[in-house]
Amino acid sequence: MNQFQAAEEGNLQMVHELVTVTSINETDGEKRTVLHIACLHGWIAMVAWLLEIGANVNSLTWHGLSPLS
């Protein structure tokens, strides 16, 4: 499982473990960060934690969407 799959599933513990060993602002094939995915699914605790550790709220997907769009 990667950090994007963990975020899709809302698995905060797994995201917590994976993000500490990879870049917080790494993107998937659609240029989405874990923060994009967490926001999309409404995972409030995950979003809060990602913001606390410095996730970029200005990162844009291929479609020009920020995590807060």
Protein backbone atom coordinates (compact mmCIF):
# COMPACT_ATOMS: atom_id res chain seq x y z
CA MET A 1 0.00 0.00 0.00
CA ASN A 2 1.27 3.49 -0.79
CA GLN A 3 0.39 6.82 0.81
CA PHE A 4 -2.21 7.60 -1.87
CA GLN A 5 -4.04 4.31 -1.38
CA ALA A 6 -3.98 4.79 2.38
CA ALA A 7 -5.45 8.28 1.97
CA GLU A 8 -8.19 6.94 -0.36
CA GLU A 9 -9.15 4.47 2.38
CA GLY A 10 -9.02 7.08 5.13
CA ASN A 11 -6.31 5.13 6.93
CA LEU A 12 -4.71 7.90 8.98
CA GLN A 13 -2.33 5.58 10.81
CA MET A 14 -0.93 4.20 7.54
CA VAL A 15 -0.67 7.68 6.01
CA HIS A 16 1.13 8.79 9.15
CA GLU A 17 3.67 5.98 8.76
CA LEU A 18 4.15 6.37 5.00
CA VAL A 19 4.36 10.15 4.85
CA THR A 20 7.19 10.20 7.37
CA VAL A 21 9.37 8.24 4.94
CA THR A 22 8.29 9.97 1.73
CA SER A 23 7.77 13.55 0.66
CA ILE A 24 4.64 15.14 2.06
CA ASN A 25 4.05 16.86 -1.28
CA GLU A 26 4.76 13.89 -3.56
CA THR A 27 2.13 13.55 -6.30
CA ASP A 28 0.36 10.67 -7.98
CA GLY A 29 -0.28 10.27 -11.72
CA GLU A 30 -2.87 13.05 -11.66
CA LYS A 31 -0.52 15.36 -9.72
CA ARG A 32 -2.66 14.96 -6.59
CA THR A 33 -0.99 15.06 -3.20
CA VAL A 34 -2.18 13.11 -0.19
CA LEU A 35 -3.76 16.38 0.96
CA HIS A 36 -5.81 16.55 -2.28
CA ILE A 37 -7.13 13.05 -1.63
CA ALA A 38 -7.85 13.64 2.06
CA CYS A 39 -9.75 16.85 1.25
CA LEU A 40 -11.70 15.15 -1.55
CA HIS A 41 -12.93 12.45 0.81
CA GLY A 42 -13.51 14.75 3.78
CA TRP A 43 -10.99 13.03 6.05
CA ILE A 44 -10.86 15.96 8.52
CA ALA A 45 -8.35 14.44 10.97
CA MET A 46 -6.04 13.49 8.12
CA VAL A 47 -6.31 16.96 6.56
CA ALA A 48 -5.55 18.61 9.90
CA TRP A 49 -2.49 16.42 10.46
CA LEU A 50 -1.17 16.96 6.94
CA LEU A 51 -1.52 20.72 7.33
CA GLU A 52 0.25 20.57 10.70
CA ILE A 53 3.27 18.89 9.16
CA GLY A 54 3.52 21.27 6.23
CA ALA A 55 1.47 19.95 3.33
CA ASN A 56 1.33 22.46 0.48
CA VAL A 57 -2.19 23.90 0.13
CA ASN A 58 -1.19 25.57 -3.15
CA SER A 59 -0.19 22.41 -5.00
CA LEU A 60 -2.15 22.05 -8.26
CA THR A 61 -3.33 18.94 -10.08
CA TRP A 62 -3.12 18.55 -13.87
CA HIS A 63 -6.57 20.16 -13.93
CA GLY A 64 -5.43 23.20 -11.93
CA LEU A 65 -7.18 22.22 -8.69
CA SER A 66 -5.69 22.93 -5.28
CA PRO A 67 -6.45 20.65 -2.31
CA LEU A 68 -8.96 23.24 -1.08
CA SER A 69 -10.76 23.57 -4.44
